[in-house]
Protein backbone atom coordinates (compact mmCIF):
# COMPACT_ATOMS: atom_id res chain seq x y z
CA UNK A 1 -0.08 -0.19 0.30
CA UNK A 2 1.31 3.21 -1.07
CA UNK A 3 1.65 6.30 1.36
CA UNK A 4 -1.28 9.08 0.27
CA UNK A 5 1.47 11.42 0.35
CA UNK A 6 3.52 9.90 -2.54
CA UNK A 7 0.30 9.48 -4.60
CA UNK A 8 -0.19 12.92 -4.38
CA UNK A 9 2.81 13.61 -5.76
CA UNK A 10 2.54 11.23 -8.20
CA UNK A 11 4.96 8.55 -7.26
CA UNK A 12 4.26 5.06 -8.07
CA UNK A 13 5.93 2.09 -7.42
CA UNK A 14 8.66 0.63 -9.19
CA UNK A 15 9.54 -2.73 -7.08
CA UNK A 16 7.46 -5.35 -6.97
CA UNK A 17 6.33 -6.74 -3.71
CA UNK A 18 6.60 -9.52 -2.20
CA UNK A 19 5.28 -12.66 -2.61
CA UNK A 20 3.95 -13.05 1.10
CA UNK A 21 2.08 -9.69 0.44
CA UNK A 22 -1.67 -9.94 1.33
CA UNK A 23 -2.25 -7.21 -0.89
CA UNK A 24 0.08 -6.76 -4.43
CA UNK A 25 1.75 -3.75 -5.23
CA UNK A 26 1.16 -2.82 -8.45
CA UNK A 27 4.18 -1.85 -10.91
CA UNK A 28 5.27 -1.26 -13.76
CA UNK A 29 7.87 -4.14 -15.17
CA UNK A 30 9.61 -1.62 -17.79
CA UNK A 31 10.13 0.74 -15.63
CA UNK A 32 11.98 -2.01 -13.07
CA UNK A 33 14.05 -3.55 -15.48
CA UNK A 34 15.46 -0.10 -16.88
CA UNK A 35 16.12 0.68 -12.84
CA UNK A 36 17.79 -2.31 -11.84
CA UNK A 37 19.98 -2.14 -15.33
CA UNK A 38 21.31 0.93 -14.04
CA UNK A 39 21.81 -0.38 -10.47
CA UNK A 40 24.29 -3.06 -12.34
CA UNK A 41 25.89 -0.38 -13.88
CA UNK A 42 26.76 1.49 -11.23
CA UNK A 43 27.83 -1.41 -9.14
CA UNK A 44 30.30 -2.17 -12.10
CA UNK A 45 31.69 1.17 -12.00
CA UNK A 46 32.31 0.60 -8.02
CA UNK A 47 34.12 -2.17 -8.51
CA UNK A 48 36.15 -1.18 -11.57
CA UNK A 49 36.91 1.92 -9.27
CA UNK A 50 38.29 0.02 -6.81
CA UNK A 51 40.66 -2.10 -9.12
CA UNK A 52 42.15 0.96 -10.57
CA UNK A 53 42.98 2.49 -7.16
CA UNK A 54 43.93 -0.46 -5.86
CA UNK A 55 41.51 -0.19 -2.75
CA UNK A 56 41.50 -3.65 -2.73
CA UNK A 57 44.76 -4.61 -0.72
């Protein structure tokens, strides 16, 4: 359930709810897929930065 404050500002859920949830959350699958790709990209950038600056010593 999305709080009313978010609904008033036009913010919608981007991630699916858990399977155990009694009331399922509606979400946009395409937006979720894009968000996941962006998160993966930032993870890779951070990993490469660690190698380039030798933080893993």
